[in-house]
C-alpha cells in the first residue's frame, strides 16, 4: 500500500513534556516523515503546550481533545463551519 503519512501515537504525544524519550520519539518521527516526503499526524493533542511544541517541530497535523471531542458526522459539518483559519493554517497553505 502506498504510504502518505506517519501517525504518532498519543502515548508518546501525551508524555512528551514529561519524558525525554517520548519527546525524542516525537521529534524523530516528525523528522523521519519530512525526510521521506510524508506528512506527520500527532494523536492525543490535549494541551496548547503540546500543540505549540508540535507546530514548532514541524508536525503537519494534530488531532485530539484540544481540537474537538469525537463528533457524529452531522455535528462535524456544523462544527467545521464555525472554525476560523489560524495564522498557522495560512502559513501552511502558502508553503
PDB file of N, CA and C in Angstrom:
ATOM      1  N   UNK A   1       0.828  -1.183   0.000  1.00  0.00           N
ATOM      2  CA  UNK A   1       0.000   0.000   0.000  1.00  0.00           C
ATOM      3  C   UNK A   1       0.874   1.250   0.000  1.00  0.00           C
ATOM      4  N   UNK A   2       0.488   2.254  -0.752  1.00  0.00           N
ATOM      5  CA  UNK A   2       1.269   3.488  -0.743  1.00  0.00           C
ATOM      6  C   UNK A   2       1.109   4.224   0.598  1.00  0.00           C
ATOM      7  N   UNK A   3       2.200   4.721   1.111  1.00  0.00           N
ATOM      8  CA  UNK A   3       2.192   5.442   2.382  1.00  0.00           C
ATOM      9  C   UNK A   3       2.288   6.930   2.092  1.00  0.00           C
ATOM     10  N   UNK A   4       1.405   7.724   2.709  1.00  0.00           N
ATOM     11  CA  UNK A   4       1.421   9.178   2.525  1.00  0.00           C
ATOM     12  C   UNK A   4       1.656   9.923   3.822  1.00  0.00           C
ATOM     13  N   UNK A   5       1.453   9.230   4.949  1.00  0.00           N
ATOM     14  CA  UNK A   5       1.557   9.912   6.223  1.00  0.00           C
ATOM     15  C   UNK A   5       2.016   8.947   7.304  1.00  0.00           C
ATOM     16  N   UNK A   6       2.583   9.529   8.355  1.00  0.00           N
ATOM     17  CA  UNK A   6       3.021   8.776   9.522  1.00  0.00           C
ATOM     18  C   UNK A   6       2.265   9.332  10.716  1.00  0.00           C
ATOM     19  N   UNK A   7       1.618   8.452  11.459  1.00  0.00           N
ATOM     20  CA  UNK A   7       0.843   8.874  12.620  1.00  0.00           C
ATOM     21  C   UNK A   7       1.633   8.581  13.885  1.00  0.00           C
ATOM     22  N   UNK A   8       1.693   9.571  14.762  1.00  0.00           N
ATOM     23  CA  UNK A   8       2.418   9.450  16.019  1.00  0.00           C
ATOM     24  C   UNK A   8       1.410   9.112  17.108  1.00  0.00           C
ATOM     25  N   UNK A   9       1.601   7.996  17.749  1.00  0.00           N
ATOM     26  CA  UNK A   9       0.655   7.513  18.750  1.00  0.00           C
ATOM     27  C   UNK A   9       0.538   8.479  19.929  1.00  0.00           C
ATOM     28  N   UNK A  10      -0.674   8.585  20.429  1.00  0.00           N
ATOM     29  CA  UNK A  10      -0.933   9.529  21.515  1.00  0.00           C
ATOM     30  C   UNK A  10      -0.141   9.222  22.772  1.00  0.00           C
ATOM     31  N   UNK A  11       0.258   7.969  22.984  1.00  0.00           N
ATOM     32  CA  UNK A  11       1.024   7.648  24.190  1.00  0.00           C
ATOM     33  C   UNK A  11       2.344   8.414  24.225  1.00  0.00           C
ATOM     34  N   UNK A  12       2.935   8.694  23.070  1.00  0.00           N
ATOM     35  CA  UNK A  12       4.170   9.485  23.007  1.00  0.00           C
ATOM     36  C   UNK A  12       3.873  10.977  23.126  1.00  0.00           C
ATOM     37  N   UNK A  13       2.814  11.411  22.464  1.00  0.00           N
ATOM     38  CA  UNK A  13       2.462  12.833  22.465  1.00  0.00           C
ATOM     39  C   UNK A  13       2.033  13.288  23.859  1.00  0.00           C
ATOM     40  N   UNK A  14       1.222  12.486  24.531  1.00  0.00           N
ATOM     41  CA  UNK A  14       0.732  12.864  25.858  1.00  0.00           C
ATOM     42  C   UNK A  14       1.859  13.039  26.869  1.00  0.00           C
ATOM     43  N   UNK A  15       2.939  12.282  26.719  1.00  0.00           N
ATOM     44  CA  UNK A  15       4.024  12.306  27.700  1.00  0.00           C
ATOM     45  C   UNK A  15       5.265  13.039  27.233  1.00  0.00           C
ATOM     46  N   UNK A  16       5.236  13.661  26.062  1.00  0.00           N
ATOM     47  CA  UNK A  16       6.467  14.227  25.508  1.00  0.00           C
ATOM     48  C   UNK A  16       7.059  15.353  26.347  1.00  0.00           C
ATOM     49  N   UNK A  17       6.260  16.019  27.171  1.00  0.00           N
ATOM     50  CA  UNK A  17       6.800  17.091  28.007  1.00  0.00           C
ATOM     51  C   UNK A  17       7.328  16.587  29.344  1.00  0.00           C
ATOM     52  N   UNK A  18       7.017  15.354  29.687  1.00  0.00           N
ATOM     53  CA  UNK A  18       7.467  14.782  30.957  1.00  0.00           C
ATOM     54  C   UNK A  18       8.512  13.688  30.776  1.00  0.00           C
ATOM     55  N   UNK A  19       8.613  13.151  29.577  1.00  0.00           N
ATOM     56  CA  UNK A  19       9.510  12.027  29.327  1.00  0.00           C
ATOM     57  C   UNK A  19      10.370  12.347  28.107  1.00  0.00           C
ATOM     58  N   UNK A  20      11.651  12.549  28.320  1.00  0.00           N
ATOM     59  CA  UNK A  20      12.553  12.926  27.231  1.00  0.00           C
ATOM     60  C   UNK A  20      12.594  11.864  26.134  1.00  0.00           C
ATOM     61  N   UNK A  21      12.460  10.584  26.500  1.00  0.00           N
ATOM     62  CA  UNK A  21      12.439   9.527  25.477  1.00  0.00           C
ATOM     63  C   UNK A  21      11.240   9.699  24.541  1.00  0.00           C
ATOM     64  N   UNK A  22      10.082  10.027  25.104  1.00  0.00           N
ATOM     65  CA  UNK A  22       8.901  10.259  24.266  1.00  0.00           C
ATOM     66  C   UNK A  22       9.097  11.495  23.395  1.00  0.00           C
ATOM     67  N   UNK A  23       9.717  12.533  23.940  1.00  0.00           N
ATOM     68  CA  UNK A  23       9.986  13.744  23.156  1.00  0.00           C
ATOM     69  C   UNK A  23      10.905  13.424  21.977  1.00  0.00           C
ATOM     70  N   UNK A  24      11.914  12.599  22.208  1.00  0.00           N
ATOM     71  CA  UNK A  24      12.830  12.210  21.136  1.00  0.00           C
ATOM     72  C   UNK A  24      12.091  11.412  20.066  1.00  0.00           C
ATOM     73  N   UNK A  25      11.214  10.527  20.488  1.00  0.00           N
ATOM     74  CA  UNK A  25      10.442   9.731  19.526  1.00  0.00           C
ATOM     75  C   UNK A  25       9.555  10.634  18.678  1.00  0.00           C
ATOM     76  N   UNK A  26       8.890  11.599  19.303  1.00  0.00           N
ATOM     77  CA  UNK A  26       8.017  12.507  18.560  1.00  0.00           C
ATOM     78  C   UNK A  26       8.828  13.330  17.560  1.00  0.00           C
ATOM     79  N   UNK A  27       9.909  13.953  18.028  1.00  0.00           N
ATOM     80  CA  UNK A  27      10.749  14.774  17.128  1.00  0.00           C
ATOM     81  C   UNK A  27      11.329  13.933  15.997  1.00  0.00           C
ATOM     82  N   UNK A  28      11.810  12.750  16.322  1.00  0.00           N
ATOM     83  CA  UNK A  28      12.429  11.886  15.317  1.00  0.00           C
ATOM     84  C   UNK A  28      11.412  11.412  14.280  1.00  0.00           C
ATOM     85  N   UNK A  29      10.208  11.135  14.731  1.00  0.00           N
ATOM     86  CA  UNK A  29       9.163  10.685  13.808  1.00  0.00           C
ATOM     87  C   UNK A  29       8.760  11.807  12.859  1.00  0.00           C
ATOM     88  N   UNK A  30       8.638  13.028  13.383  1.00  0.00           N
ATOM     89  CA  UNK A  30       8.323  14.175  12.522  1.00  0.00           C
ATOM     90  C   UNK A  30       9.447  14.377  11.510  1.00  0.00           C
ATOM     91  N   UNK A  31      10.700  14.306  11.959  1.00  0.00           N
ATOM     92  CA  UNK A  31      11.842  14.459  11.046  1.00  0.00           C
ATOM     93  C   UNK A  31      11.875  13.355   9.999  1.00  0.00           C
ATOM     94  N   UNK A  32      11.638  12.118  10.426  1.00  0.00           N
ATOM     95  CA  UNK A  32      11.629  10.991   9.501  1.00  0.00           C
ATOM     96  C   UNK A  32      10.563  11.182   8.424  1.00  0.00           C
ATOM     97  N   UNK A  33       9.365  11.546   8.850  1.00  0.00           N
ATOM     98  CA  UNK A  33       8.283  11.761   7.887  1.00  0.00           C
ATOM     99  C   UNK A  33       8.673  12.839   6.877  1.00  0.00           C
ATOM    100  N   UNK A  34       9.175  13.949   7.378  1.00  0.00           N
ATOM    101  CA  UNK A  34       9.561  15.051   6.490  1.00  0.00           C
ATOM    102  C   UNK A  34      10.644  14.605   5.509  1.00  0.00           C
ATOM    103  N   UNK A  35      11.661  13.893   6.000  1.00  0.00           N
ATOM    104  CA  UNK A  35      12.760  13.446   5.144  1.00  0.00           C
ATOM    105  C   UNK A  35      12.332  12.427   4.099  1.00  0.00           C
ATOM    106  N   UNK A  36      11.254  11.719   4.369  1.00  0.00           N
ATOM    107  CA  UNK A  36      10.715  10.754   3.405  1.00  0.00           C
ATOM    108  C   UNK A  36       9.629  11.363   2.512  1.00  0.00           C
ATOM    109  N   UNK A  37       9.360  12.655   2.703  1.00  0.00           N
ATOM    110  CA  UNK A  37       8.328  13.309   1.910  1.00  0.00           C
ATOM    111  C   UNK A  37       6.922  12.936   2.324  1.00  0.00           C
ATOM    112  N   UNK A  38       6.758  12.550   3.587  1.00  0.00           N
ATOM    113  CA  UNK A  38       5.448  12.156   4.106  1.00  0.00           C
ATOM    114  C   UNK A  38       4.937  13.217   5.070  1.00  0.00           C
ATOM    115  N   UNK A  39       3.646  13.190   5.339  1.00  0.00           N
ATOM    116  CA  UNK A  39       3.039  14.091   6.321  1.00  0.00           C
ATOM    117  C   UNK A  39       3.070  13.410   7.686  1.00  0.00           C
ATOM    118  N   UNK A  40       3.163  14.202   8.741  1.00  0.00           N
ATOM    119  CA  UNK A  40       3.126  13.668  10.100  1.00  0.00           C
ATOM    120  C   UNK A  40       1.832  14.106  10.779  1.00  0.00           C
ATOM    121  N   UNK A  41       1.242  13.168  11.525  1.00  0.00           N
ATOM    122  CA  UNK A  41      -0.001  13.423  12.248  1.00  0.00           C
ATOM    123  C   UNK A  41       0.209  12.998  13.699  1.00  0.00           C
ATOM    124  N   UNK A  42      -0.021  13.903  14.626  1.00  0.00           N
ATOM    125  CA  UNK A  42       0.117  13.605  16.053  1.00  0.00           C
ATOM    126  C   UNK A  42      -1.258  13.370  16.657  1.00  0.00           C
ATOM    127  N   UNK A  43      -1.422  12.227  17.312  1.00  0.00           N
ATOM    128  CA  UNK A  43      -2.652  11.926  18.038  1.00  0.00           C
ATOM    129  C   UNK A  43      -2.525  12.415  19.478  1.00  0.00           C
ATOM    130  N   UNK A  44      -3.644  12.611  20.139  1.00  0.00           N
ATOM    131  CA  UNK A  44      -3.649  12.873  21.571  1.00  0.00           C
ATOM    132  C   UNK A  44      -3.249  14.280  21.971  1.00  0.00           C
ATOM    133  N   UNK A  45      -3.498  15.245  21.110  1.00  0.00           N
ATOM    134  CA  UNK A  45      -3.152  16.629  21.442  1.00  0.00           C
ATOM    135  C   UNK A  45      -4.250  17.178  22.349  1.00  0.00           C
ATOM    136  N   UNK A  46      -3.883  17.402  23.604  1.00  0.00           N
ATOM    137  CA  UNK A  46      -4.862  17.826  24.602  1.00  0.00           C
ATOM    138  C   UNK A  46      -4.545  19.175  25.226  1.00  0.00           C
ATOM    139  N   UNK A  47      -3.363  19.718  24.983  1.00  0.00           N
ATOM    140  CA  UNK A  47      -2.983  20.993  25.586  1.00  0.00           C
ATOM    141  C   UNK A  47      -2.405  21.931  24.529  1.00  0.00           C
ATOM    142  N   UNK A  48      -2.498  23.224  24.812  1.00  0.00           N
ATOM    143  CA  UNK A  48      -1.891  24.192  23.894  1.00  0.00           C
ATOM    144  C   UNK A  48      -0.371  24.064  23.902  1.00  0.00           C
ATOM    145  N   UNK A  49       0.205  23.630  25.006  1.00  0.00           N
ATOM    146  CA  UNK A  49       1.653  23.411  25.060  1.00  0.00           C
ATOM    147  C   UNK A  49       2.053  22.332  24.059  1.00  0.00           C
ATOM    148  N   UNK A  50       1.333  21.229  24.047  1.00  0.00           N
ATOM    149  CA  UNK A  50       1.620  20.163  23.076  1.00  0.00           C
ATOM    150  C   UNK A  50       1.415  20.675  21.652  1.00  0.00           C
ATOM    151  N   UNK A  51       0.314  21.402  21.425  1.00  0.00           N
ATOM    152  CA  UNK A  51       0.021  21.970  20.110  1.00  0.00           C
ATOM    153  C   UNK A  51       1.179  22.847  19.641  1.00  0.00           C
ATOM    154  N   UNK A  52       1.638  23.746  20.510  1.00  0.00           N
ATOM    155  CA  UNK A  52       2.719  24.665  20.152  1.00  0.00           C
ATOM    156  C   UNK A  52       4.026  23.932  19.900  1.00  0.00           C
ATOM    157  N   UNK A  53       4.324  22.931  20.708  1.00  0.00           N
ATOM    158  CA  UNK A  53       5.541  22.150  20.508  1.00  0.00           C
ATOM    159  C   UNK A  53       5.503  21.434  19.171  1.00  0.00           C
ATOM    160  N   UNK A  54       4.404  20.786  18.878  1.00  0.00           N
ATOM    161  CA  UNK A  54       4.277  20.060  17.613  1.00  0.00           C
ATOM    162  C   UNK A  54       4.410  21.006  16.425  1.00  0.00           C
ATOM    163  N   UNK A  55       3.792  22.159  16.527  1.00  0.00           N
ATOM    164  CA  UNK A  55       3.901  23.151  15.452  1.00  0.00           C
ATOM    165  C   UNK A  55       5.354  23.588  15.286  1.00  0.00           C
ATOM    166  N   UNK A  56       6.044  23.811  16.395  1.00  0.00           N
ATOM    167  CA  UNK A  56       7.421  24.310  16.320  1.00  0.00           C
ATOM    168  C   UNK A  56       8.389  23.287  15.734  1.00  0.00           C
ATOM    169  N   UNK A  57       8.092  22.001  15.870  1.00  0.00           N
ATOM    170  CA  UNK A  57       8.985  20.990  15.300  1.00  0.00           C
ATOM    171  C   UNK A  57       8.556  20.566  13.897  1.00  0.00           C
ATOM    172  N   UNK A  58       7.479  21.166  13.399  1.00  0.00           N
ATOM    173  CA  UNK A  58       7.084  20.933  12.015  1.00  0.00           C
ATOM    174  C   UNK A  58       6.086  19.822  11.783  1.00  0.00           C
ATOM    175  N   UNK A  59       5.384  19.397  12.835  1.00  0.00           N
ATOM    176  CA  UNK A  59       4.340  18.385  12.652  1.00  0.00           C
ATOM    177  C   UNK A  59       3.234  18.984  11.781  1.00  0.00           C
ATOM    178  N   UNK A  60       2.769  18.213  10.807  1.00  0.00           N
ATOM    179  CA  UNK A  60       1.806  18.732   9.826  1.00  0.00           C
ATOM    180  C   UNK A  60       0.381  18.820  10.342  1.00  0.00           C
ATOM    181  N   UNK A  61      -0.038  17.830  11.118  1.00  0.00           N
ATOM    182  CA  UNK A  61      -1.442  17.746  11.516  1.00  0.00           C
ATOM    183  C   UNK A  61      -1.530  17.243  12.950  1.00  0.00           C
ATOM    184  N   UNK A  62      -2.532  17.735  13.665  1.00  0.00           N
ATOM    185  CA  UNK A  62      -2.754  17.280  15.028  1.00  0.00           C
ATOM    186  C   UNK A  62      -4.210  16.871  15.183  1.00  0.00           C
ATOM    187  N   UNK A  63      -4.424  15.920  16.052  1.00  0.00           N
ATOM    188  CA  UNK A  63      -5.791  15.551  16.399  1.00  0.00           C
ATOM    189  C   UNK A  63      -5.832  15.270  17.885  1.00  0.00           C
ATOM    190  N   UNK A  64      -6.956  15.578  18.495  1.00  0.00           N
ATOM    191  CA  UNK A  64      -7.087  15.334  19.921  1.00  0.00           C
ATOM    192  C   UNK A  64      -8.160  16.206  20.535  1.00  0.00           C
ATOM    193  N   UNK A  65      -8.351  16.028  21.834  1.00  0.00           N
ATOM    194  CA  UNK A  65      -9.417  16.719  22.536  1.00  0.00           C
ATOM    195  C   UNK A  65      -9.257  18.228  22.565  1.00  0.00           C
ATOM    196  N   UNK A  66      -8.030  18.738  22.419  1.00  0.00           N
ATOM    197  CA  UNK A  66      -7.860  20.188  22.357  1.00  0.00           C
ATOM    198  C   UNK A  66      -8.626  20.763  21.171  1.00  0.00           C
ATOM    199  N   UNK A  67      -8.651  20.026  20.093  1.00  0.00           N
ATOM    200  CA  UNK A  67      -9.297  20.484  18.863  1.00  0.00           C
ATOM    201  C   UNK A  67     -10.797  20.204  18.916  1.00  0.00           C
ATOM    202  N   UNK A  68     -11.153  18.980  19.271  1.00  0.00           N
ATOM    203  CA  UNK A  68     -12.563  18.609  19.407  1.00  0.00           C
ATOM    204  C   UNK A  68     -12.678  17.202  19.965  1.00  0.00           C
ATOM    205  N   UNK A  69     -13.718  16.981  20.703  1.00  0.00           N
ATOM    206  CA  UNK A  69     -14.076  15.615  21.081  1.00  0.00           C
ATOM    207  C   UNK A  69     -14.636  14.939  19.837  1.00  0.00           C
ATOM    208  N   UNK A  70     -14.678  13.604  19.809  1.00  0.00           N
ATOM    209  CA  UNK A  70     -15.283  12.922  18.656  1.00  0.00           C
ATOM    210  C   UNK A  70     -16.727  13.400  18.456  1.00  0.00           C
ATOM    211  N   UNK A  71     -17.097  13.584  17.189  1.00  0.00           N
ATOM    212  CA  UNK A  71     -18.434  14.080  16.846  1.00  0.00           C
ATOM    213  C   UNK A  71     -19.093  13.172  15.823  1.00  0.00           C
ATOM    214  N   UNK A  72     -20.417  13.047  15.880  1.00  0.00           N
ATOM    215  CA  UNK A  72     -21.134  12.376  14.795  1.00  0.00           C
ATOM    216  C   UNK A  72     -20.971  13.202  13.516  1.00  0.00           C
ATOM    217  N   UNK A  73     -21.056  12.562  12.379  1.00  0.00           N
ATOM    218  CA  UNK A  73     -20.840  13.240  11.091  1.00  0.00           C
ATOM    219  C   UNK A  73     -21.723  14.476  10.933  1.00  0.00           C
ATOM    220  N   UNK A  74     -22.962  14.398  11.340  1.00  0.00           N
ATOM    221  CA  UNK A  74     -23.879  15.536  11.177  1.00  0.00           C
ATOM    222  C   UNK A  74     -23.409  16.739  12.002  1.00  0.00           C
ATOM    223  N   UNK A  75     -22.909  16.510  13.187  1.00  0.00           N
ATOM    224  CA  UNK A  75     -22.422  17.616  14.024  1.00  0.00           C
ATOM    225  C   UNK A  75     -21.062  18.117  13.555  1.00  0.00           C
ATOM    226  N   UNK A  76     -20.285  17.223  12.929  1.00  0.00           N
ATOM    227  CA  UNK A  76     -18.964  17.634  12.455  1.00  0.00           C
ATOM    228  C   UNK A  76     -19.079  18.740  11.410  1.00  0.00           C
ATOM    229  N   UNK A  77     -19.986  18.599  10.481  1.00  0.00           N
ATOM    230  CA  UNK A  77     -20.151  19.614   9.431  1.00  0.00           C
ATOM    231  C   UNK A  77     -20.467  20.978  10.051  1.00  0.00           C
ATOM    232  N   UNK A  78     -21.347  21.006  11.045  1.00  0.00           N
ATOM    233  CA  UNK A  78     -21.684  22.264  11.700  1.00  0.00           C
ATOM    234  C   UNK A  78     -20.481  22.812  12.472  1.00  0.00           C
ATOM    235  N   UNK A  79     -19.735  21.933  13.150  1.00  0.00           N
ATOM    236  CA  UNK A  79     -18.547  22.361  13.890  1.00  0.00           C
ATOM    237  C   UNK A  79     -17.515  22.949  12.945  1.00  0.00           C
ATOM    238  N   UNK A  80     -17.305  22.295  11.826  1.00  0.00           N
ATOM    239  CA  UNK A  80     -16.302  22.745  10.867  1.00  0.00           C
ATOM    240  C   UNK A  80     -16.604  24.148  10.351  1.00  0.00           C
ATOM    241  N   UNK A  81     -17.866  24.457  10.158  1.00  0.00           N
ATOM    242  CA  UNK A  81     -18.249  25.788   9.675  1.00  0.00           C
ATOM    243  C   UNK A  81     -17.935  26.883  10.687  1.00  0.00           C
ATOM    244  N   UNK A  82     -17.843  26.530  11.969  1.00  0.00           N
ATOM    245  CA  UNK A  82     -17.573  27.539  12.997  1.00  0.00           C
ATOM    246  C   UNK A  82     -16.079  27.802  13.182  1.00  0.00           C
ATOM    247  N   UNK A  83     -15.244  26.998  12.573  1.00  0.00           N
ATOM    248  CA  UNK A  83     -13.801  27.128  12.776  1.00  0.00           C
ATOM    249  C   UNK A  83     -13.232  28.223  11.885  1.00  0.00           C
ATOM    250  N   UNK A  84     -12.423  29.069  12.480  1.00  0.00           N
ATOM    251  CA  UNK A  84     -11.772  30.151  11.747  1.00  0.00           C
ATOM    252  C   UNK A  84     -10.348  29.731  11.421  1.00  0.00           C
ATOM    253  N   UNK A  85      -9.881  30.037  10.220  1.00  0.00           N
ATOM    254  CA  UNK A  85      -8.486  29.714   9.907  1.00  0.00           C
ATOM    255  C   UNK A  85      -7.546  30.481  10.838  1.00  0.00           C
ATOM    256  N   UNK A  86      -6.470  29.832  11.228  1.00  0.00           N
ATOM    257  CA  UNK A  86      -5.476  30.475  12.080  1.00  0.00           C
ATOM    258  C   UNK A  86      -4.310  30.951  11.229  1.00  0.00           C
ATOM    259  N   UNK A  87      -3.430  31.713  11.820  1.00  0.00           N
ATOM    260  CA  UNK A  87      -2.240  32.160  11.105  1.00  0.00           C
ATOM    261  C   UNK A  87      -1.417  30.950  10.667  1.00  0.00           C
ATOM    262  N   UNK A  88      -1.336  29.922  11.510  1.00  0.00           N
ATOM    263  CA  UNK A  88      -0.597  28.705  11.145  1.00  0.00           C
ATOM    264  C   UNK A  88      -1.207  28.043   9.920  1.00  0.00           C
ATOM    265  N   UNK A  89      -2.561  28.035   9.839  1.00  0.00           N
ATOM    266  CA  UNK A  89      -3.215  27.467   8.674  1.00  0.00           C
ATOM    267  C   UNK A  89      -2.840  28.240   7.410  1.00  0.00           C
ATOM    268  N   UNK A  90      -2.839  29.558   7.515  1.00  0.00           N
ATOM    269  CA  UNK A  90      -2.499  30.391   6.372  1.00  0.00           C
ATOM    270  C   UNK A  90      -1.053  30.144   5.936  1.00  0.00           C
ATOM    271  N   UNK A  91      -0.147  30.006   6.907  1.00  0.00           N
ATOM    272  CA  UNK A  91       1.246  29.733   6.567  1.00  0.00           C
ATOM    273  C   UNK A  91       1.389  28.364   5.922  1.00  0.00           C
ATOM    274  N   UNK A  92       0.668  27.383   6.417  1.00  0.00           N
ATOM    275  CA  UNK A  92       0.750  26.030   5.848  1.00  0.00           C
ATOM    276  C   UNK A  92       0.253  26.007   4.410  1.00  0.00           C
ATOM    277  N   UNK A  93      -0.802  26.764   4.120  1.00  0.00           N
ATOM    278  CA  UNK A  93      -1.330  26.790   2.755  1.00  0.00           C
ATOM    279  C   UNK A  93      -0.396  27.522   1.806  1.00  0.00           C
ATOM    280  N   UNK A  94       0.383  28.479   2.311  1.00  0.00           N
ATOM    281  CA  UNK A  94       1.234  29.263   1.430  1.00  0.00           C
ATOM    282  C   UNK A  94       2.565  28.575   1.134  1.00  0.00           C
ATOM    283  N   UNK A  95       2.888  27.524   1.888  1.00  0.00           N
ATOM    284  CA  UNK A  95       4.179  26.853   1.648  1.00  0.00           C
ATOM    285  C   UNK A  95       4.044  25.683   0.718  1.00  0.00           C
TER     286      UNK A  95
END
